[in-house]
């Protein structure tokens, strides 16, 4: 199948996999095109848009993010018109950013909410989607000269894909998705990474955070997939805790490029794990 290169992530997302896909390709199941693609932590959707499967189930805990996917699918014309109204100015940016701290936020339409997230993502510092413990967007203004706020070709291409393929878009805890994964599936899991060190932890793209207990819970869900004969590939940090947790599975260490970090010196090649339950 010829893939449309315009179908690509419409948001810059923490932990996005666009840079590592050339490496990941070597670890996909051989019959991946015949399988239902399932991604319970879809994030920016880099792998989804690379594979462009005919049948997929995607999910994320972040309701704001999933709203953007649904609006792009259902109301792309209205979304594009809304995006054209935004201004690349600091005062305007902070005005739009502050909306989720006010009762007014609940009066916004789903189109306006999706437009707001894309605008903030394109104009905030380092394209970093980040919320505080109250779930409020808190990344600062990026001061870019000409950010691509209205990426119309990509938005329209993604909209056409989501409408032409059979893609179920879900919002909730990842474990709910496991209940509806058909046997003939390939599941890609990209959870919040386990920190290599105490200062390395970053879970600001989701209200709350992940602990060792959460990682153990996910591993038990992976065991259930294995028992059902469902193939999974999981990405995580190269922490010793993760290596020990998935002992018995096939664990590969790969080099990934960290593109989002407030400290430029800390961007670059790092070790990540790709863990799978198939040859």
C-alpha atoms as a PDB file:
ATOM      1  CA  UNK A   1       0.000   0.000   0.000  1.00  0.00           C
ATOM      2  CA  UNK A   2       1.318   3.446  -0.960  1.00  0.00           C
ATOM      3  CA  UNK A   3       1.505   5.660   2.117  1.00  0.00           C
ATOM      4  CA  UNK A   4       0.615   9.341   2.118  1.00  0.00           C
ATOM      5  CA  UNK A   5       3.571  11.251   3.599  1.00  0.00           C
ATOM      6  CA  UNK A   6       1.313  14.152   4.509  1.00  0.00           C
ATOM      7  CA  UNK A   7      -0.303  11.884   7.113  1.00  0.00           C
ATOM      8  CA  UNK A   8       1.929  12.724  10.047  1.00  0.00           C
ATOM      9  CA  UNK A   9       1.728  13.976  13.657  1.00  0.00           C
ATOM     10  CA  UNK A  10      -0.147  17.274  13.990  1.00  0.00           C
ATOM     11  CA  UNK A  11       1.284  17.916  17.468  1.00  0.00           C
ATOM     12  CA  UNK A  12       4.785  17.759  18.922  1.00  0.00           C
ATOM     13  CA  UNK A  13       4.434  15.337  21.832  1.00  0.00           C
ATOM     14  CA  UNK A  14       6.698  14.318  24.686  1.00  0.00           C
ATOM     15  CA  UNK A  15       8.145  10.894  23.893  1.00  0.00           C
ATOM     16  CA  UNK A  16       7.094  11.108  20.240  1.00  0.00           C
ATOM     17  CA  UNK A  17       8.468   8.259  18.143  1.00  0.00           C
ATOM     18  CA  UNK A  18       8.992   9.951  14.770  1.00  0.00           C
ATOM     19  CA  UNK A  19      12.799   9.988  15.149  1.00  0.00           C
ATOM     20  CA  UNK A  20      13.082   6.333  16.162  1.00  0.00           C
ATOM     21  CA  UNK A  21      10.715   4.752  13.612  1.00  0.00           C
ATOM     22  CA  UNK A  22      13.590   3.827  11.216  1.00  0.00           C
ATOM     23  CA  UNK A  23      15.031   1.735  14.069  1.00  0.00           C
ATOM     24  CA  UNK A  24      11.689   0.371  15.249  1.00  0.00           C
ATOM     25  CA  UNK A  25      10.812  -1.020  11.803  1.00  0.00           C
ATOM     26  CA  UNK A  26      13.186  -3.931  12.353  1.00  0.00           C
ATOM     27  CA  UNK A  27      11.149  -5.063  15.364  1.00  0.00           C
ATOM     28  CA  UNK A  28       7.634  -5.077  13.848  1.00  0.00           C
ATOM     29  CA  UNK A  29       5.821  -8.410  13.310  1.00  0.00           C
ATOM     30  CA  UNK A  30       6.321  -9.777   9.794  1.00  0.00           C
ATOM     31  CA  UNK A  31       2.572  -9.875   9.096  1.00  0.00           C
ATOM     32  CA  UNK A  32       1.826  -6.450  10.567  1.00  0.00           C
ATOM     33  CA  UNK A  33      -0.275  -5.318   7.585  1.00  0.00           C
ATOM     34  CA  UNK A  34      -2.753  -8.148   8.248  1.00  0.00           C
ATOM     35  CA  UNK A  35      -3.243  -7.248  11.909  1.00  0.00           C
ATOM     36  CA  UNK A  36      -5.490  -4.766  13.708  1.00  0.00           C
ATOM     37  CA  UNK A  37      -3.231  -2.051  15.052  1.00  0.00           C
ATOM     38  CA  UNK A  38      -3.848  -1.101  18.705  1.00  0.00           C
ATOM     39  CA  UNK A  39      -2.148   1.767  20.523  1.00  0.00           C
ATOM     40  CA  UNK A  40      -3.439   2.380  24.068  1.00  0.00           C
ATOM     41  CA  UNK A  41      -1.047   5.350  24.653  1.00  0.00           C
ATOM     42  CA  UNK A  42      -1.334   7.022  21.249  1.00  0.00           C
ATOM     43  CA  UNK A  43       0.154  10.442  22.102  1.00  0.00           C
ATOM     44  CA  UNK A  44       1.155  12.240  18.912  1.00  0.00           C
ATOM     45  CA  UNK A  45       0.454   9.156  16.794  1.00  0.00           C
ATOM     46  CA  UNK A  46       3.788   8.974  14.954  1.00  0.00           C
ATOM     47  CA  UNK A  47       3.687   5.191  14.551  1.00  0.00           C
ATOM     48  CA  UNK A  48      -0.021   5.154  13.678  1.00  0.00           C
ATOM     49  CA  UNK A  49       0.510   7.695  10.908  1.00  0.00           C
ATOM     50  CA  UNK A  50       3.625   5.917   9.659  1.00  0.00           C
ATOM     51  CA  UNK A  51       1.872   2.548   9.394  1.00  0.00           C
ATOM     52  CA  UNK A  52      -1.503   3.953   8.276  1.00  0.00           C
ATOM     53  CA  UNK A  53      -3.297   0.685   9.111  1.00  0.00           C
ATOM     54  CA  UNK A  54      -6.692  -0.038   7.600  1.00  0.00           C
ATOM     55  CA  UNK A  55      -8.025  -1.055  11.003  1.00  0.00           C
ATOM     56  CA  UNK A  56      -6.913   0.425  14.304  1.00  0.00           C
ATOM     57  CA  UNK A  57      -7.903   1.105  17.904  1.00  0.00           C
ATOM     58  CA  UNK A  58      -6.251   4.122  19.496  1.00  0.00           C
ATOM     59  CA  UNK A  59      -6.603   5.540  22.985  1.00  0.00           C
ATOM     60  CA  UNK A  60      -5.104   8.091  25.325  1.00  0.00           C
ATOM     61  CA  UNK A  61      -5.843   9.101  28.904  1.00  0.00           C
ATOM     62  CA  UNK A  62      -5.512  12.758  27.906  1.00  0.00           C
ATOM     63  CA  UNK A  63      -9.058  13.858  27.015  1.00  0.00           C
ATOM     64  CA  UNK A  64      -7.839  17.123  25.455  1.00  0.00           C
ATOM     65  CA  UNK A  65      -5.593  15.190  23.072  1.00  0.00           C
ATOM     66  CA  UNK A  66      -8.294  12.707  22.057  1.00  0.00           C
ATOM     67  CA  UNK A  67     -10.689  15.591  21.435  1.00  0.00           C
ATOM     68  CA  UNK A  68      -8.195  16.935  18.864  1.00  0.00           C
ATOM     69  CA  UNK A  69      -8.146  13.578  17.041  1.00  0.00           C
ATOM     70  CA  UNK A  70     -11.949  13.490  16.917  1.00  0.00           C
ATOM     71  CA  UNK A  71     -12.277  17.091  15.757  1.00  0.00           C
ATOM     72  CA  UNK A  72      -9.721  16.549  12.977  1.00  0.00           C
ATOM     73  CA  UNK A  73     -11.739  13.526  11.872  1.00  0.00           C
ATOM     74  CA  UNK A  74     -15.185  15.127  12.113  1.00  0.00           C
ATOM     75  CA  UNK A  75     -14.784  18.921  11.756  1.00  0.00           C
ATOM     76  CA  UNK A  76     -11.501  19.662   9.990  1.00  0.00           C
ATOM     77  CA  UNK A  77     -12.864  22.650   7.998  1.00  0.00           C
ATOM     78  CA  UNK A  78     -14.138  24.366  11.139  1.00  0.00           C
ATOM     79  CA  UNK A  79     -10.888  23.580  12.969  1.00  0.00           C
ATOM     80  CA  UNK A  80      -8.764  25.146  10.222  1.00  0.00           C
ATOM     81  CA  UNK A  81     -10.898  28.302  10.244  1.00  0.00           C
ATOM     82  CA  UNK A  82     -10.537  28.534  14.024  1.00  0.00           C
ATOM     83  CA  UNK A  83      -6.750  28.105  13.844  1.00  0.00           C
ATOM     84  CA  UNK A  84      -6.519  30.983  11.367  1.00  0.00           C
ATOM     85  CA  UNK A  85      -7.866  33.345  14.034  1.00  0.00           C
ATOM     86  CA  UNK A  86      -4.923  32.882  16.415  1.00  0.00           C
ATOM     87  CA  UNK A  87      -2.059  35.385  16.801  1.00  0.00           C
ATOM     88  CA  UNK A  88       1.618  34.716  17.430  1.00  0.00           C
ATOM     89  CA  UNK A  89       1.890  37.288  20.207  1.00  0.00           C
ATOM     90  CA  UNK A  90       2.938  36.813  23.831  1.00  0.00           C
ATOM     91  CA  UNK A  91       0.008  38.670  25.396  1.00  0.00           C
ATOM     92  CA  UNK A  92      -2.476  36.741  23.254  1.00  0.00           C
ATOM     93  CA  UNK A  93      -0.693  33.454  24.005  1.00  0.00           C
ATOM     94  CA  UNK A  94      -0.978  33.889  27.774  1.00  0.00           C
ATOM     95  CA  UNK A  95      -4.598  34.940  27.410  1.00  0.00           C
ATOM     96  CA  UNK A  96      -5.404  31.708  25.530  1.00  0.00           C
ATOM     97  CA  UNK A  97      -3.239  29.637  27.879  1.00  0.00           C
ATOM     98  CA  UNK A  98      -5.079  30.938  30.949  1.00  0.00           C
ATOM     99  CA  UNK A  99      -8.519  29.896  29.687  1.00  0.00           C
ATOM    100  CA  UNK A 100      -8.310  26.475  31.369  1.00  0.00           C
ATOM    101  CA  UNK A 101      -8.041  28.258  34.735  1.00  0.00           C
ATOM    102  CA  UNK A 102     -11.404  29.974  34.267  1.00  0.00           C
ATOM    103  CA  UNK A 103     -15.065  28.829  34.262  1.00  0.00           C
ATOM    104  CA  UNK A 104     -15.139  30.051  30.647  1.00  0.00           C
ATOM    105  CA  UNK A 105     -13.172  26.934  29.618  1.00  0.00           C
ATOM    106  CA  UNK A 106     -16.248  24.739  30.067  1.00  0.00           C
ATOM    107  CA  UNK A 107     -18.170  26.968  27.650  1.00  0.00           C
ATOM    108  CA  UNK A 108     -15.705  26.404  24.809  1.00  0.00           C
ATOM    109  CA  UNK A 109     -16.860  24.143  21.997  1.00  0.00           C
ATOM    110  CA  UNK A 110     -14.852  21.002  21.246  1.00  0.00           C
ATOM    111  CA  UNK A 111     -13.596  22.742  18.087  1.00  0.00           C
ATOM    112  CA  UNK A 112     -12.361  25.718  20.126  1.00  0.00           C
ATOM    113  CA  UNK A 113     -10.664  23.394  22.627  1.00  0.00           C
ATOM    114  CA  UNK A 114      -8.890  21.490  19.835  1.00  0.00           C
ATOM    115  CA  UNK A 115      -7.839  24.746  18.173  1.00  0.00           C
ATOM    116  CA  UNK A 116      -6.475  26.031  21.488  1.00  0.00           C
ATOM    117  CA  UNK A 117      -4.324  22.936  22.077  1.00  0.00           C
ATOM    118  CA  UNK A 118      -2.840  23.001  18.569  1.00  0.00           C
ATOM    119  CA  UNK A 119      -2.161  26.744  18.837  1.00  0.00           C
ATOM    120  CA  UNK A 120      -0.457  26.428  22.231  1.00  0.00           C
ATOM    121  CA  UNK A 121       1.563  23.426  21.033  1.00  0.00           C
ATOM    122  CA  UNK A 122       2.833  25.306  17.978  1.00  0.00           C
ATOM    123  CA  UNK A 123       3.703  28.518  19.807  1.00  0.00           C
ATOM    124  CA  UNK A 124       4.838  27.429  23.284  1.00  0.00           C
ATOM    125  CA  UNK A 125       8.481  27.011  24.258  1.00  0.00           C
ATOM    126  CA  UNK A 126      10.047  23.945  22.603  1.00  0.00           C
ATOM    127  CA  UNK A 127       6.632  22.626  21.512  1.00  0.00           C
ATOM    128  CA  UNK A 128       6.263  21.114  24.958  1.00  0.00           C
ATOM    129  CA  UNK A 129       2.771  20.000  26.019  1.00  0.00           C
ATOM    130  CA  UNK A 130       2.906  20.313  29.778  1.00  0.00           C
ATOM    131  CA  UNK A 131       0.281  20.625  32.498  1.00  0.00           C
ATOM    132  CA  UNK A 132       0.568  21.223  36.238  1.00  0.00           C
ATOM    133  CA  UNK A 133      -1.003  19.080  38.966  1.00  0.00           C
ATOM    134  CA  UNK A 134      -4.323  20.853  38.433  1.00  0.00           C
ATOM    135  CA  UNK A 135      -4.297  19.844  34.758  1.00  0.00           C
ATOM    136  CA  UNK A 136      -3.631  23.406  33.560  1.00  0.00           C
ATOM    137  CA  UNK A 137      -1.372  24.067  30.568  1.00  0.00           C
ATOM    138  CA  UNK A 138       1.748  25.813  31.868  1.00  0.00           C
ATOM    139  CA  UNK A 139       4.444  25.885  29.157  1.00  0.00           C
ATOM    140  CA  UNK A 140       5.684  29.443  28.408  1.00  0.00           C
ATOM    141  CA  UNK A 141       5.499  31.391  25.130  1.00  0.00           C
ATOM    142  CA  UNK A 142       8.104  30.263  22.595  1.00  0.00           C
ATOM    143  CA  UNK A 143       8.739  33.542  20.739  1.00  0.00           C
ATOM    144  CA  UNK A 144       9.080  31.850  17.344  1.00  0.00           C
ATOM    145  CA  UNK A 145       9.072  34.128  14.287  1.00  0.00           C
ATOM    146  CA  UNK A 146       6.800  32.096  12.064  1.00  0.00           C
ATOM    147  CA  UNK A 147       5.290  28.993  13.742  1.00  0.00           C
ATOM    148  CA  UNK A 148       3.210  26.716  11.526  1.00  0.00           C
ATOM    149  CA  UNK A 149      -0.045  27.186  13.426  1.00  0.00           C
ATOM    150  CA  UNK A 150      -2.268  26.209  10.478  1.00  0.00           C
ATOM    151  CA  UNK A 151      -0.724  23.115   8.890  1.00  0.00           C
ATOM    152  CA  UNK A 152      -3.670  22.665   6.550  1.00  0.00           C
ATOM    153  CA  UNK A 153      -2.206  19.928   4.270  1.00  0.00           C
ATOM    154  CA  UNK A 154      -1.400  17.666   7.227  1.00  0.00           C
ATOM    155  CA  UNK A 155      -4.699  18.308   9.020  1.00  0.00           C
ATOM    156  CA  UNK A 156      -6.684  17.479   5.875  1.00  0.00           C
ATOM    157  CA  UNK A 157      -4.579  14.378   5.113  1.00  0.00           C
ATOM    158  CA  UNK A 158      -5.011  13.079   8.675  1.00  0.00           C
ATOM    159  CA  UNK A 159      -8.743  13.796   8.507  1.00  0.00           C
ATOM    160  CA  UNK A 160      -9.085  11.829   5.257  1.00  0.00           C
ATOM    161  CA  UNK A 161      -7.158   8.921   6.770  1.00  0.00           C
ATOM    162  CA  UNK A 162      -9.227   8.805   9.956  1.00  0.00           C
ATOM    163  CA  UNK A 163     -12.390   8.815   7.850  1.00  0.00           C
ATOM    164  CA  UNK A 164     -11.292   6.269   5.241  1.00  0.00           C
ATOM    165  CA  UNK A 165      -9.748   3.736   7.624  1.00  0.00           C
ATOM    166  CA  UNK A 166     -11.588   1.907  10.391  1.00  0.00           C
ATOM    167  CA  UNK A 167     -10.087   3.730  13.395  1.00  0.00           C
ATOM    168  CA  UNK A 168     -11.772   3.604  16.794  1.00  0.00           C
ATOM    169  CA  UNK A 169     -10.727   6.624  18.884  1.00  0.00           C
ATOM    170  CA  UNK A 170     -11.066   6.025  22.632  1.00  0.00           C
ATOM    171  CA  UNK A 171     -10.369   8.077  25.754  1.00  0.00           C
ATOM    172  CA  UNK A 172      -9.697   6.523  29.131  1.00  0.00           C
ATOM    173  CA  UNK A 173      -7.437   4.244  31.111  1.00  0.00           C
ATOM    174  CA  UNK A 174      -5.357   2.025  28.834  1.00  0.00           C
ATOM    175  CA  UNK A 175      -6.623  -1.114  30.576  1.00  0.00           C
ATOM    176  CA  UNK A 176     -10.102  -0.517  29.132  1.00  0.00           C
ATOM    177  CA  UNK A 177      -8.661  -0.911  25.632  1.00  0.00           C
ATOM    178  CA  UNK A 178      -7.267  -4.327  26.501  1.00  0.00           C
ATOM    179  CA  UNK A 179     -10.840  -5.581  26.903  1.00  0.00           C
ATOM    180  CA  UNK A 180     -11.650  -4.922  23.235  1.00  0.00           C
ATOM    181  CA  UNK A 181      -8.406  -5.962  21.514  1.00  0.00           C
ATOM    182  CA  UNK A 182      -9.167  -8.703  18.978  1.00  0.00           C
ATOM    183  CA  UNK A 183      -6.907 -11.764  18.820  1.00  0.00           C
ATOM    184  CA  UNK A 184      -5.533 -10.930  15.366  1.00  0.00           C
ATOM    185  CA  UNK A 185      -3.868  -7.708  16.572  1.00  0.00           C
ATOM    186  CA  UNK A 186      -0.540  -5.968  17.042  1.00  0.00           C
ATOM    187  CA  UNK A 187      -0.387  -3.804  20.176  1.00  0.00           C
ATOM    188  CA  UNK A 188       2.180  -1.024  20.482  1.00  0.00           C
ATOM    189  CA  UNK A 189       2.636   0.267  24.029  1.00  0.00           C
ATOM    190  CA  UNK A 190       4.342   3.581  24.713  1.00  0.00           C
ATOM    191  CA  UNK A 191       3.620   4.350  28.389  1.00  0.00           C
ATOM    192  CA  UNK A 192       5.206   7.104  30.483  1.00  0.00           C
ATOM    193  CA  UNK A 193       8.832   6.014  30.785  1.00  0.00           C
ATOM    194  CA  UNK A 194      10.307   4.847  34.049  1.00  0.00           C
ATOM    195  CA  UNK A 195      12.875   7.441  35.191  1.00  0.00           C
ATOM    196  CA  UNK A 196      16.545   6.559  34.883  1.00  0.00           C
ATOM    197  CA  UNK A 197      17.163   8.885  37.824  1.00  0.00           C
ATOM    198  CA  UNK A 198      15.004  10.839  40.248  1.00  0.00           C
ATOM    199  CA  UNK A 199      15.623  14.084  38.330  1.00  0.00           C
ATOM    200  CA  UNK A 200      14.886  12.497  34.935  1.00  0.00           C
ATOM    201  CA  UNK A 201      11.200  11.878  35.557  1.00  0.00           C
ATOM    202  CA  UNK A 202       8.811  13.759  33.292  1.00  0.00           C
ATOM    203  CA  UNK A 203       5.097  13.050  33.349  1.00  0.00           C
ATOM    204  CA  UNK A 204       3.899  16.606  32.809  1.00  0.00           C
ATOM    205  CA  UNK A 205       1.894  15.739  29.719  1.00  0.00           C
ATOM    206  CA  UNK A 206      -0.607  13.898  31.899  1.00  0.00           C
ATOM    207  CA  UNK A 207      -2.164  15.015  35.152  1.00  0.00           C
ATOM    208  CA  UNK A 208      -0.720  12.908  37.943  1.00  0.00           C
ATOM    209  CA  UNK A 209       2.152  10.592  37.045  1.00  0.00           C
ATOM    210  CA  UNK A 210       3.377   7.019  36.835  1.00  0.00           C
ATOM    211  CA  UNK A 211       4.979   4.978  39.593  1.00  0.00           C
ATOM    212  CA  UNK A 212       6.604   1.542  39.829  1.00  0.00           C
ATOM    213  CA  UNK A 213       3.173   0.204  40.744  1.00  0.00           C
ATOM    214  CA  UNK A 214       1.799   1.504  37.419  1.00  0.00           C
ATOM    215  CA  UNK A 215       4.657  -0.141  35.505  1.00  0.00           C
ATOM    216  CA  UNK A 216       3.973  -3.452  37.260  1.00  0.00           C
ATOM    217  CA  UNK A 217       0.263  -3.197  36.439  1.00  0.00           C
ATOM    218  CA  UNK A 218       1.094  -2.673  32.759  1.00  0.00           C
ATOM    219  CA  UNK A 219       3.461  -5.655  32.776  1.00  0.00           C
ATOM    220  CA  UNK A 220       0.648  -7.841  34.110  1.00  0.00           C
ATOM    221  CA  UNK A 221      -1.548  -6.632  31.241  1.00  0.00           C
ATOM    222  CA  UNK A 222       1.246  -7.584  28.825  1.00  0.00           C
ATOM    223  CA  UNK A 223       1.271 -11.053  30.358  1.00  0.00           C
ATOM    224  CA  UNK A 224      -2.460 -11.277  29.624  1.00  0.00           C
ATOM    225  CA  UNK A 225      -1.843 -10.336  25.978  1.00  0.00           C
ATOM    226  CA  UNK A 226       0.793 -13.059  25.751  1.00  0.00           C
ATOM    227  CA  UNK A 227      -1.598 -15.624  27.223  1.00  0.00           C
ATOM    228  CA  UNK A 228      -4.162 -14.641  24.572  1.00  0.00           C
ATOM    229  CA  UNK A 229      -1.604 -14.999  21.767  1.00  0.00           C
ATOM    230  CA  UNK A 230      -1.635 -11.273  20.941  1.00  0.00           C
ATOM    231  CA  UNK A 231       1.629  -9.687  19.782  1.00  0.00           C
ATOM    232  CA  UNK A 232       2.892  -6.586  21.604  1.00  0.00           C
ATOM    233  CA  UNK A 233       5.862  -4.253  21.293  1.00  0.00           C
ATOM    234  CA  UNK A 234       6.614  -1.960  24.235  1.00  0.00           C
ATOM    235  CA  UNK A 235       8.922   1.055  24.508  1.00  0.00           C
ATOM    236  CA  UNK A 236      10.428   2.152  27.799  1.00  0.00           C
ATOM    237  CA  UNK A 237      13.575   3.573  29.329  1.00  0.00           C
ATOM    238  CA  UNK A 238      16.626   1.389  29.822  1.00  0.00           C
ATOM    239  CA  UNK A 239      16.153   1.439  33.609  1.00  0.00           C
ATOM    240  CA  UNK A 240      17.285  -1.697  35.440  1.00  0.00           C
ATOM    241  CA  UNK A 241      13.815  -1.894  37.005  1.00  0.00           C
ATOM    242  CA  UNK A 242      12.205  -2.293  33.559  1.00  0.00           C
ATOM    243  CA  UNK A 243      14.785  -4.857  32.442  1.00  0.00           C
ATOM    244  CA  UNK A 244      14.108  -6.954  35.524  1.00  0.00           C
ATOM    245  CA  UNK A 245      10.348  -6.511  35.253  1.00  0.00           C
ATOM    246  CA  UNK A 246      10.234  -7.868  31.680  1.00  0.00           C
ATOM    247  CA  UNK A 247      12.750 -10.647  32.205  1.00  0.00           C
ATOM    248  CA  UNK A 248      11.608 -13.566  30.060  1.00  0.00           C
ATOM    249  CA  UNK A 249      10.531 -11.336  27.165  1.00  0.00           C
ATOM    250  CA  UNK A 250      12.728 -10.335  24.221  1.00  0.00           C
ATOM    251  CA  UNK A 251      14.447  -7.097  25.252  1.00  0.00           C
ATOM    252  CA  UNK A 252      16.368  -4.999  22.724  1.00  0.00           C
ATOM    253  CA  UNK A 253      18.348  -1.847  23.530  1.00  0.00           C
ATOM    254  CA  UNK A 254      18.181   0.826  20.834  1.00  0.00           C
ATOM    255  CA  UNK A 255      19.409   4.390  20.438  1.00  0.00           C
ATOM    256  CA  UNK A 256      16.739   7.081  20.439  1.00  0.00           C
ATOM    257  CA  UNK A 257      16.982  10.820  19.904  1.00  0.00           C
ATOM    258  CA  UNK A 258      15.563  12.971  22.684  1.00  0.00           C
ATOM    259  CA  UNK A 259      14.226  16.073  20.939  1.00  0.00           C
ATOM    260  CA  UNK A 260      12.263  17.710  23.754  1.00  0.00           C
ATOM    261  CA  UNK A 261      14.283  18.914  26.697  1.00  0.00           C
ATOM    262  CA  UNK A 262      14.456  22.398  28.179  1.00  0.00           C
ATOM    263  CA  UNK A 263      18.227  21.902  28.470  1.00  0.00           C
ATOM    264  CA  UNK A 264      19.732  21.748  24.966  1.00  0.00           C
ATOM    265  CA  UNK A 265      22.761  19.860  26.297  1.00  0.00           C
ATOM    266  CA  UNK A 266      20.507  16.981  27.333  1.00  0.00           C
ATOM    267  CA  UNK A 267      19.046  16.436  23.878  1.00  0.00           C
ATOM    268  CA  UNK A 268      20.582  13.684  21.771  1.00  0.00           C
ATOM    269  CA  UNK A 269      21.120   9.929  21.701  1.00  0.00           C
ATOM    270  CA  UNK A 270      19.917   7.885  24.666  1.00  0.00           C
ATOM    271  CA  UNK A 271      19.312   4.186  25.274  1.00  0.00           C
ATOM    272  CA  UNK A 272      15.727   2.928  25.144  1.00  0.00           C
ATOM    273  CA  UNK A 273      14.233  -0.546  25.372  1.00  0.00           C
ATOM    274  CA  UNK A 274      12.008  -2.262  22.820  1.00  0.00           C
ATOM    275  CA  UNK A 275      10.361  -5.245  24.473  1.00  0.00           C
ATOM    276  CA  UNK A 276       8.320  -7.817  22.554  1.00  0.00           C
ATOM    277  CA  UNK A 277       6.650 -11.214  22.971  1.00  0.00           C
ATOM    278  CA  UNK A 278       7.234 -12.597  19.435  1.00  0.00           C
ATOM    279  CA  UNK A 279      10.167 -13.656  17.266  1.00  0.00           C
END
